[in-house]
Every structure is written in C-alpha cells, then in structure tokens.
Amino acid sequence: MALVPYDEASEMGLQKFHKPVATFSFANHTIHIRQDWRQLGVAAVVWDAAVVLSMYLETGAMELRGRSAVELGAGTGLVGIVAALLGANVTITDRKVALEFLKQNVQANLPPHIQAKAVVKELTWGQNLGSFSPGEFDLILGADIIYLEETFTDLLQTLGYLCSDHSVILLACRIRYERDNNFLAMLERQFTVNKVHYDPGKDVHIYKAQRTYQREDL
C-alpha cells in the first residue's frame, strides 16, 4: 500500500477517514479499526473496497476455513482480520513503515484463540518475495491496491509468485481511470479473470483471477 502525506486541503469529502476509529460488524464480531490519516495517509484508513471485500467473504462465496490466505497492501488489516475470523490462516502484509500500525489493529480485533491464525509480515511487491514460498497461498486478497501505475509490474510479479495452479485471487477496486482497466488487461495475460461481484452503492467491483491453464501443442 503506497503512503501519502497528510494534506489539510484534502479534508473535504474525506471526513470519515479522519475519524480515529471505524467500527464494523463481521463474522459475529464487532471490529474497531484504528485510523491515522495524519501519520500514514492512505495506508491507515478503511477504504470502501475493503468493506465490500469483507462483506463478500462473509457471504461464504469462498471457503475460508482451514485455507491459507494472504492480504496484500493490507493497510488497516480489515480484510485479513475478517478472513481470520472466518477460519482462514492469514498472512497480513504491507510495507515496513505500516507494519506496527497494522499489528496493533490485528491484535486488538482477534480473540486470543484466533491470534495464531494471523501473522503480520512485511511485503514490498516485487522485492522481498524470497521470504515467502512460491505458490504458498490458497487465496490472495487485495482491496483497493490497483491505483499506482508504477506498481503494476511489481504487483503482477508478486501475484504470479504467490499463486499456485489452484490459488484464487480476489481483488476489490473501483475503476476510476483508464489505467485501472489497463491493469486488468495486464492481469488477463497471466490469469483467467472474472467479475464476481459489484456493489453499486459503493461502486466497488470484485474480480476473481486464477492462473490460466495453457495446453501444450501436441
């Protein structure tokens, strides 16, 4: 998750991001997410895509119990927290500068018996992949991580590294600019991509991607 400095001029329309705590109800738990826009910018607020993806996971559309999952660019960690509450073994990742804040939210919102199901770990896309095993995860989750064009190549490399032939990627995002469609086109060169959900109220799409099987020439 990229970080941006706090800007007083950006306050209009972003009031909800300036609340110190955002409260949600998922998986029969009340979740209190601490936010800190002033210090960490976009990495420390809950975006609508994270809420919609959490809602989608709660529907049971994907089997989570006992599955290994990773959240990329986790920010506040809402999606990873929900996945852990729903039974997944989750690695919740972001860049080093956001990790301490992320850990605090994860530890504050998971009951002691579920704490062991969630690990917070550093991951800068395209860089420290060696600390993960190739194809390690059944499920790769990302909420609003498609917005900086300069990160697209590294993000695709990371997705390709973490995926096995049986892994599922779920990406929740708004389509704001042409570059967002460009990323989806890049994704489709390596994966089979389908839109599985759209929330019209929040204008958030969820895309499911799986590695494309290619037949060898006979």
C-alpha atoms as a PDB file:
ATOM      1  CA  MET A   1       0.000   0.000   0.000  1.00  0.00           C
ATOM      2  CA  ALA A   2       1.511   3.300  -1.041  1.00  0.00           C
ATOM      3  CA  LEU A   3       1.710   6.033   1.541  1.00  0.00           C
ATOM      4  CA  VAL A   4       0.818   9.683   1.004  1.00  0.00           C
ATOM      5  CA  PRO A   5       1.435  12.591   3.372  1.00  0.00           C
ATOM      6  CA  TYR A   6      -1.439  14.224   5.173  1.00  0.00           C
ATOM      7  CA  ASP A   7      -2.735  17.338   3.410  1.00  0.00           C
ATOM      8  CA  GLU A   8      -5.157  19.702   5.176  1.00  0.00           C
ATOM      9  CA  ALA A   9      -6.572  20.710   1.788  1.00  0.00           C
ATOM     10  CA  SER A  10      -7.754  17.162   1.130  1.00  0.00           C
ATOM     11  CA  GLU A  11     -10.078  17.160   4.120  1.00  0.00           C
ATOM     12  CA  MET A  12     -13.266  17.997   2.216  1.00  0.00           C
ATOM     13  CA  GLY A  13     -15.139  14.810   1.393  1.00  0.00           C
ATOM     14  CA  LEU A  14     -12.772  12.696   3.476  1.00  0.00           C
ATOM     15  CA  GLN A  15     -14.232  13.311   6.923  1.00  0.00           C
ATOM     16  CA  LYS A  16     -14.840   9.626   7.625  1.00  0.00           C
ATOM     17  CA  PHE A  17     -11.148   8.920   7.073  1.00  0.00           C
ATOM     18  CA  HIS A  18     -10.245  11.360   9.838  1.00  0.00           C
ATOM     19  CA  LYS A  19     -12.210   9.515  12.488  1.00  0.00           C
ATOM     20  CA  PRO A  20      -9.753   7.856  14.880  1.00  0.00           C
ATOM     21  CA  VAL A  21     -11.794   4.633  14.933  1.00  0.00           C
ATOM     22  CA  ALA A  22     -14.021   2.985  12.320  1.00  0.00           C
ATOM     23  CA  THR A  23     -16.373   0.289  13.646  1.00  0.00           C
ATOM     24  CA  PHE A  24     -17.723  -2.704  11.699  1.00  0.00           C
ATOM     25  CA  SER A  25     -19.603  -5.925  12.367  1.00  0.00           C
ATOM     26  CA  PHE A  26     -18.360  -9.043  10.587  1.00  0.00           C
ATOM     27  CA  ALA A  27     -18.328 -12.751  11.424  1.00  0.00           C
ATOM     28  CA  ASN A  28     -20.347 -12.167  14.606  1.00  0.00           C
ATOM     29  CA  HIS A  29     -17.659  -9.832  15.935  1.00  0.00           C
ATOM     30  CA  THR A  30     -17.527  -6.082  16.413  1.00  0.00           C
ATOM     31  CA  ILE A  31     -14.327  -4.799  14.840  1.00  0.00           C
ATOM     32  CA  HIS A  32     -12.819  -1.475  15.874  1.00  0.00           C
ATOM     33  CA  ILE A  33     -10.250  -0.313  13.329  1.00  0.00           C
ATOM     34  CA  ARG A  34      -7.947   2.488  14.417  1.00  0.00           C
ATOM     35  CA  GLN A  35      -7.247   5.047  11.680  1.00  0.00           C
ATOM     36  CA  ASP A  36      -4.381   7.535  11.454  1.00  0.00           C
ATOM     37  CA  TRP A  37      -4.607   9.546   8.251  1.00  0.00           C
ATOM     38  CA  ARG A  38      -2.282  12.287   9.545  1.00  0.00           C
ATOM     39  CA  GLN A  39       0.665   9.938  10.054  1.00  0.00           C
ATOM     40  CA  LEU A  40       0.285   7.246   7.396  1.00  0.00           C
ATOM     41  CA  GLY A  41      -2.152   8.607   4.827  1.00  0.00           C
ATOM     42  CA  VAL A  42      -3.988   6.078   2.673  1.00  0.00           C
ATOM     43  CA  ALA A  43      -2.417   3.095   4.450  1.00  0.00           C
ATOM     44  CA  ALA A  44      -4.175   3.949   7.706  1.00  0.00           C
ATOM     45  CA  VAL A  45      -7.807   4.389   6.697  1.00  0.00           C
ATOM     46  CA  VAL A  46     -10.502   1.887   5.749  1.00  0.00           C
ATOM     47  CA  TRP A  47     -11.481   2.209   2.092  1.00  0.00           C
ATOM     48  CA  ASP A  48     -14.835   1.079   0.704  1.00  0.00           C
ATOM     49  CA  ALA A  49     -13.194  -1.714  -1.277  1.00  0.00           C
ATOM     50  CA  ALA A  50     -12.028  -3.343   1.976  1.00  0.00           C
ATOM     51  CA  VAL A  51     -15.558  -3.198   3.382  1.00  0.00           C
ATOM     52  CA  VAL A  52     -17.092  -4.694   0.228  1.00  0.00           C
ATOM     53  CA  LEU A  53     -14.491  -7.467   0.052  1.00  0.00           C
ATOM     54  CA  SER A  54     -15.077  -8.275   3.732  1.00  0.00           C
ATOM     55  CA  MET A  55     -18.826  -8.454   3.061  1.00  0.00           C
ATOM     56  CA  TYR A  56     -18.186 -10.768   0.108  1.00  0.00           C
ATOM     57  CA  LEU A  57     -16.043 -13.101   2.216  1.00  0.00           C
ATOM     58  CA  GLU A  58     -18.755 -13.187   4.868  1.00  0.00           C
ATOM     59  CA  THR A  59     -21.308 -14.471   2.329  1.00  0.00           C
ATOM     60  CA  GLY A  60     -19.388 -17.745   2.133  1.00  0.00           C
ATOM     61  CA  ALA A  61     -18.747 -17.403  -1.591  1.00  0.00           C
ATOM     62  CA  MET A  62     -15.227 -18.669  -0.861  1.00  0.00           C
ATOM     63  CA  GLU A  63     -14.446 -21.474   1.580  1.00  0.00           C
ATOM     64  CA  LEU A  64     -12.060 -19.993   4.129  1.00  0.00           C
ATOM     65  CA  ARG A  65     -11.931 -22.454   6.994  1.00  0.00           C
ATOM     66  CA  GLY A  66      -8.518 -24.089   7.087  1.00  0.00           C
ATOM     67  CA  ARG A  67      -7.321 -22.303   3.951  1.00  0.00           C
ATOM     68  CA  SER A  68      -4.100 -20.315   3.705  1.00  0.00           C
ATOM     69  CA  ALA A  69      -4.649 -16.696   2.685  1.00  0.00           C
ATOM     70  CA  VAL A  70      -2.566 -13.579   2.233  1.00  0.00           C
ATOM     71  CA  GLU A  71      -3.719  -9.965   2.144  1.00  0.00           C
ATOM     72  CA  LEU A  72      -1.593  -7.632   0.028  1.00  0.00           C
ATOM     73  CA  GLY A  73      -1.280  -3.946   0.850  1.00  0.00           C
ATOM     74  CA  ALA A  74      -3.373  -4.560   3.936  1.00  0.00           C
ATOM     75  CA  GLY A  75      -3.259  -1.048   5.393  1.00  0.00           C
ATOM     76  CA  THR A  76      -5.520  -1.264   8.437  1.00  0.00           C
ATOM     77  CA  GLY A  77      -5.889  -5.040   8.068  1.00  0.00           C
ATOM     78  CA  LEU A  78      -9.704  -5.199   7.967  1.00  0.00           C
ATOM     79  CA  VAL A  79      -9.897  -7.832   5.217  1.00  0.00           C
ATOM     80  CA  GLY A  80      -7.264 -10.052   6.812  1.00  0.00           C
ATOM     81  CA  ILE A  81      -8.940  -9.751  10.210  1.00  0.00           C
ATOM     82  CA  VAL A  82     -12.282 -10.811   8.746  1.00  0.00           C
ATOM     83  CA  ALA A  83     -10.674 -13.721   6.887  1.00  0.00           C
ATOM     84  CA  ALA A  84      -9.091 -14.943  10.133  1.00  0.00           C
ATOM     85  CA  LEU A  85     -12.393 -14.646  11.992  1.00  0.00           C
ATOM     86  CA  LEU A  86     -13.961 -16.760   9.243  1.00  0.00           C
ATOM     87  CA  GLY A  87     -11.414 -19.526   9.775  1.00  0.00           C
ATOM     88  CA  ALA A  88      -8.548 -18.840   7.379  1.00  0.00           C
ATOM     89  CA  ASN A  89      -4.863 -18.905   8.311  1.00  0.00           C
ATOM     90  CA  VAL A  90      -3.914 -15.418   7.158  1.00  0.00           C
ATOM     91  CA  THR A  91      -0.655 -13.631   6.442  1.00  0.00           C
ATOM     92  CA  ILE A  92      -1.430  -9.907   6.503  1.00  0.00           C
ATOM     93  CA  THR A  93       1.172  -7.865   4.631  1.00  0.00           C
ATOM     94  CA  ASP A  94       2.235  -4.331   3.891  1.00  0.00           C
ATOM     95  CA  ARG A  95       5.379  -2.242   3.617  1.00  0.00           C
ATOM     96  CA  LYS A  96       7.642  -1.961   6.651  1.00  0.00           C
ATOM     97  CA  VAL A  97       6.583   1.590   7.544  1.00  0.00           C
ATOM     98  CA  ALA A  98       2.946   0.473   8.044  1.00  0.00           C
ATOM     99  CA  LEU A  99       3.588  -2.760   9.959  1.00  0.00           C
ATOM    100  CA  GLU A 100       3.451  -1.546  13.565  1.00  0.00           C
ATOM    101  CA  PHE A 101       0.134   0.219  12.985  1.00  0.00           C
ATOM    102  CA  LEU A 102      -1.191  -2.859  11.180  1.00  0.00           C
ATOM    103  CA  LYS A 103      -0.128  -5.178  14.012  1.00  0.00           C
ATOM    104  CA  GLN A 104      -1.979  -3.054  16.561  1.00  0.00           C
ATOM    105  CA  ASN A 105      -5.254  -3.359  14.653  1.00  0.00           C
ATOM    106  CA  VAL A 106      -4.862  -7.090  14.133  1.00  0.00           C
ATOM    107  CA  GLN A 107      -4.035  -7.819  17.762  1.00  0.00           C
ATOM    108  CA  ALA A 108      -6.833  -5.584  19.062  1.00  0.00           C
ATOM    109  CA  ASN A 109      -9.521  -7.296  16.981  1.00  0.00           C
ATOM    110  CA  LEU A 110      -8.740 -11.010  17.114  1.00  0.00           C
ATOM    111  CA  PRO A 111      -9.696 -13.085  20.164  1.00  0.00           C
ATOM    112  CA  PRO A 112      -6.762 -14.899  21.808  1.00  0.00           C
ATOM    113  CA  HIS A 113      -7.715 -18.284  20.338  1.00  0.00           C
ATOM    114  CA  ILE A 114      -7.617 -16.809  16.810  1.00  0.00           C
ATOM    115  CA  GLN A 115      -4.436 -14.729  17.196  1.00  0.00           C
ATOM    116  CA  ALA A 116      -2.303 -17.630  15.998  1.00  0.00           C
ATOM    117  CA  LYS A 117      -4.243 -17.712  12.710  1.00  0.00           C
ATOM    118  CA  ALA A 118      -2.993 -14.266  11.697  1.00  0.00           C
ATOM    119  CA  VAL A 119       0.618 -13.289  11.020  1.00  0.00           C
ATOM    120  CA  VAL A 120       1.639  -9.736  10.112  1.00  0.00           C
ATOM    121  CA  LYS A 121       4.587  -9.747   7.731  1.00  0.00           C
ATOM    122  CA  GLU A 122       6.482  -7.282   5.580  1.00  0.00           C
ATOM    123  CA  LEU A 123       5.977  -7.499   1.845  1.00  0.00           C
ATOM    124  CA  THR A 124       7.051  -4.886  -0.654  1.00  0.00           C
ATOM    125  CA  TRP A 125       5.772  -6.036  -4.026  1.00  0.00           C
ATOM    126  CA  GLY A 126       8.447  -7.413  -6.288  1.00  0.00           C
ATOM    127  CA  GLN A 127      11.216  -7.150  -3.683  1.00  0.00           C
ATOM    128  CA  ASN A 128      11.326  -9.448  -0.645  1.00  0.00           C
ATOM    129  CA  LEU A 129       9.489 -12.382  -2.213  1.00  0.00           C
ATOM    130  CA  GLY A 130      12.219 -14.754  -1.039  1.00  0.00           C
ATOM    131  CA  SER A 131      10.723 -14.685   2.456  1.00  0.00           C
ATOM    132  CA  PHE A 132       7.665 -16.469   1.036  1.00  0.00           C
ATOM    133  CA  SER A 133       7.381 -19.858  -0.626  1.00  0.00           C
ATOM    134  CA  PRO A 134       6.303 -19.917  -4.293  1.00  0.00           C
ATOM    135  CA  GLY A 135       2.633 -20.804  -4.619  1.00  0.00           C
ATOM    136  CA  GLU A 136       2.280 -20.661  -0.837  1.00  0.00           C
ATOM    137  CA  PHE A 137      -1.318 -19.474  -0.569  1.00  0.00           C
ATOM    138  CA  ASP A 138      -4.755 -20.810  -1.468  1.00  0.00           C
ATOM    139  CA  LEU A 139      -6.235 -17.318  -1.530  1.00  0.00           C
ATOM    140  CA  ILE A 140      -4.700 -13.922  -2.327  1.00  0.00           C
ATOM    141  CA  LEU A 141      -6.720 -10.879  -1.248  1.00  0.00           C
ATOM    142  CA  GLY A 142      -6.343  -7.249  -2.235  1.00  0.00           C
ATOM    143  CA  ALA A 143      -8.611  -4.260  -1.578  1.00  0.00           C
ATOM    144  CA  ASP A 144      -8.014  -1.025  -3.473  1.00  0.00           C
ATOM    145  CA  ILE A 145      -4.440  -1.890  -4.343  1.00  0.00           C
ATOM    146  CA  ILE A 146      -4.796  -1.094  -8.072  1.00  0.00           C
ATOM    147  CA  TYR A 147      -4.173   2.626  -8.350  1.00  0.00           C
ATOM    148  CA  LEU A 148      -0.480   3.412  -8.858  1.00  0.00           C
ATOM    149  CA  GLU A 149       0.614   2.565 -12.379  1.00  0.00           C
ATOM    150  CA  GLU A 150       4.276   2.367 -11.395  1.00  0.00           C
ATOM    151  CA  THR A 151       3.460  -0.562  -9.063  1.00  0.00           C
ATOM    152  CA  PHE A 152       1.587  -2.670 -11.623  1.00  0.00           C
ATOM    153  CA  THR A 153       4.565  -4.716 -12.850  1.00  0.00           C
ATOM    154  CA  ASP A 154       5.733  -5.480  -9.298  1.00  0.00           C
ATOM    155  CA  LEU A 155       2.194  -6.366  -8.204  1.00  0.00           C
ATOM    156  CA  LEU A 156       1.786  -8.773 -11.120  1.00  0.00           C
ATOM    157  CA  GLN A 157       5.145 -10.370 -10.335  1.00  0.00           C
ATOM    158  CA  THR A 158       4.062 -10.787  -6.717  1.00  0.00           C
ATOM    159  CA  LEU A 159       0.724 -12.336  -7.656  1.00  0.00           C
ATOM    160  CA  GLY A 160       2.449 -14.751 -10.020  1.00  0.00           C
ATOM    161  CA  TYR A 161       4.960 -15.765  -7.363  1.00  0.00           C
ATOM    162  CA  LEU A 162       2.450 -16.341  -4.566  1.00  0.00           C
ATOM    163  CA  CYS A 163      -0.056 -18.252  -6.722  1.00  0.00           C
ATOM    164  CA  SER A 164      -0.123 -21.962  -7.389  1.00  0.00           C
ATOM    165  CA  ASP A 165      -2.200 -23.511 -10.181  1.00  0.00           C
ATOM    166  CA  HIS A 166      -5.053 -23.838  -7.699  1.00  0.00           C
ATOM    167  CA  SER A 167      -4.861 -20.446  -5.982  1.00  0.00           C
ATOM    168  CA  VAL A 168      -7.646 -17.881  -6.204  1.00  0.00           C
ATOM    169  CA  ILE A 169      -7.054 -14.125  -6.314  1.00  0.00           C
ATOM    170  CA  LEU A 170      -9.792 -11.730  -5.181  1.00  0.00           C
ATOM    171  CA  LEU A 171      -9.250  -8.053  -5.957  1.00  0.00           C
ATOM    172  CA  ALA A 172     -11.761  -5.399  -4.889  1.00  0.00           C
ATOM    173  CA  CYS A 173     -11.460  -1.994  -6.518  1.00  0.00           C
ATOM    174  CA  ARG A 174     -13.119   0.993  -8.079  1.00  0.00           C
ATOM    175  CA  ILE A 175     -12.472   1.570 -11.767  1.00  0.00           C
ATOM    176  CA  ARG A 176     -11.510   5.230 -11.566  1.00  0.00           C
ATOM    177  CA  TYR A 177      -9.193   5.730 -14.504  1.00  0.00           C
ATOM    178  CA  GLU A 178      -8.153   4.101 -17.750  1.00  0.00           C
ATOM    179  CA  ARG A 179      -5.020   2.824 -16.039  1.00  0.00           C
ATOM    180  CA  ASP A 180      -7.212   0.622 -13.824  1.00  0.00           C
ATOM    181  CA  ASN A 181      -8.572  -1.093 -16.931  1.00  0.00           C
ATOM    182  CA  ASN A 182      -5.012  -1.334 -18.208  1.00  0.00           C
ATOM    183  CA  PHE A 183      -4.040  -3.300 -15.098  1.00  0.00           C
ATOM    184  CA  LEU A 184      -6.944  -5.693 -15.599  1.00  0.00           C
ATOM    185  CA  ALA A 185      -5.793  -6.223 -19.187  1.00  0.00           C
ATOM    186  CA  MET A 186      -2.279  -6.988 -17.908  1.00  0.00           C
ATOM    187  CA  LEU A 187      -3.749  -9.387 -15.346  1.00  0.00           C
ATOM    188  CA  GLU A 188      -5.694 -11.213 -18.054  1.00  0.00           C
ATOM    189  CA  ARG A 189      -2.457 -12.031 -19.873  1.00  0.00           C
ATOM    190  CA  GLN A 190      -1.416 -14.262 -16.960  1.00  0.00           C
ATOM    191  CA  PHE A 191      -4.714 -15.235 -15.329  1.00  0.00           C
ATOM    192  CA  THR A 192      -8.315 -16.031 -16.157  1.00  0.00           C
ATOM    193  CA  VAL A 193     -10.257 -13.086 -14.756  1.00  0.00           C
ATOM    194  CA  ASN A 194     -13.977 -12.818 -13.981  1.00  0.00           C
ATOM    195  CA  LYS A 195     -16.016 -10.164 -12.216  1.00  0.00           C
ATOM    196  CA  VAL A 196     -17.857 -11.955  -9.405  1.00  0.00           C
ATOM    197  CA  HIS A 197     -19.499  -9.062  -7.548  1.00  0.00           C
ATOM    198  CA  TYR A 198     -20.410  -5.406  -7.900  1.00  0.00           C
ATOM    199  CA  ASP A 199     -21.632  -3.121  -5.142  1.00  0.00           C
ATOM    200  CA  PRO A 200     -23.475  -0.241  -6.857  1.00  0.00           C
ATOM    201  CA  GLY A 201     -23.793   1.779  -3.647  1.00  0.00           C
ATOM    202  CA  LYS A 202     -20.042   1.922  -3.154  1.00  0.00           C
ATOM    203  CA  ASP A 203     -19.138   1.478  -6.848  1.00  0.00           C
ATOM    204  CA  VAL A 204     -16.758  -1.356  -5.999  1.00  0.00           C
ATOM    205  CA  HIS A 205     -16.046  -4.341  -8.251  1.00  0.00           C
ATOM    206  CA  ILE A 206     -14.618  -7.674  -7.114  1.00  0.00           C
ATOM    207  CA  TYR A 207     -12.573  -9.642  -9.645  1.00  0.00           C
ATOM    208  CA  LYS A 208     -11.621 -13.282  -9.287  1.00  0.00           C
ATOM    209  CA  ALA A 209      -8.453 -14.438 -11.012  1.00  0.00           C
ATOM    210  CA  GLN A 210      -6.880 -17.863 -11.407  1.00  0.00           C
ATOM    211  CA  ARG A 211      -3.805 -18.984 -13.259  1.00  0.00           C
ATOM    212  CA  THR A 212      -4.540 -19.675 -16.902  1.00  0.00           C
ATOM    213  CA  TYR A 213      -4.001 -23.258 -17.981  1.00  0.00           C
ATOM    214  CA  GLN A 214      -2.317 -23.438 -21.346  1.00  0.00           C
ATOM    215  CA  ARG A 215      -2.499 -26.602 -23.430  1.00  0.00           C
ATOM    216  CA  GLU A 216       0.806 -27.772 -24.757  1.00  0.00           C
ATOM    217  CA  ASP A 217       0.990 -28.229 -28.504  1.00  0.00           C
ATOM    218  CA  LEU A 218       0.643 -31.864 -29.478  1.00  0.00           C
END
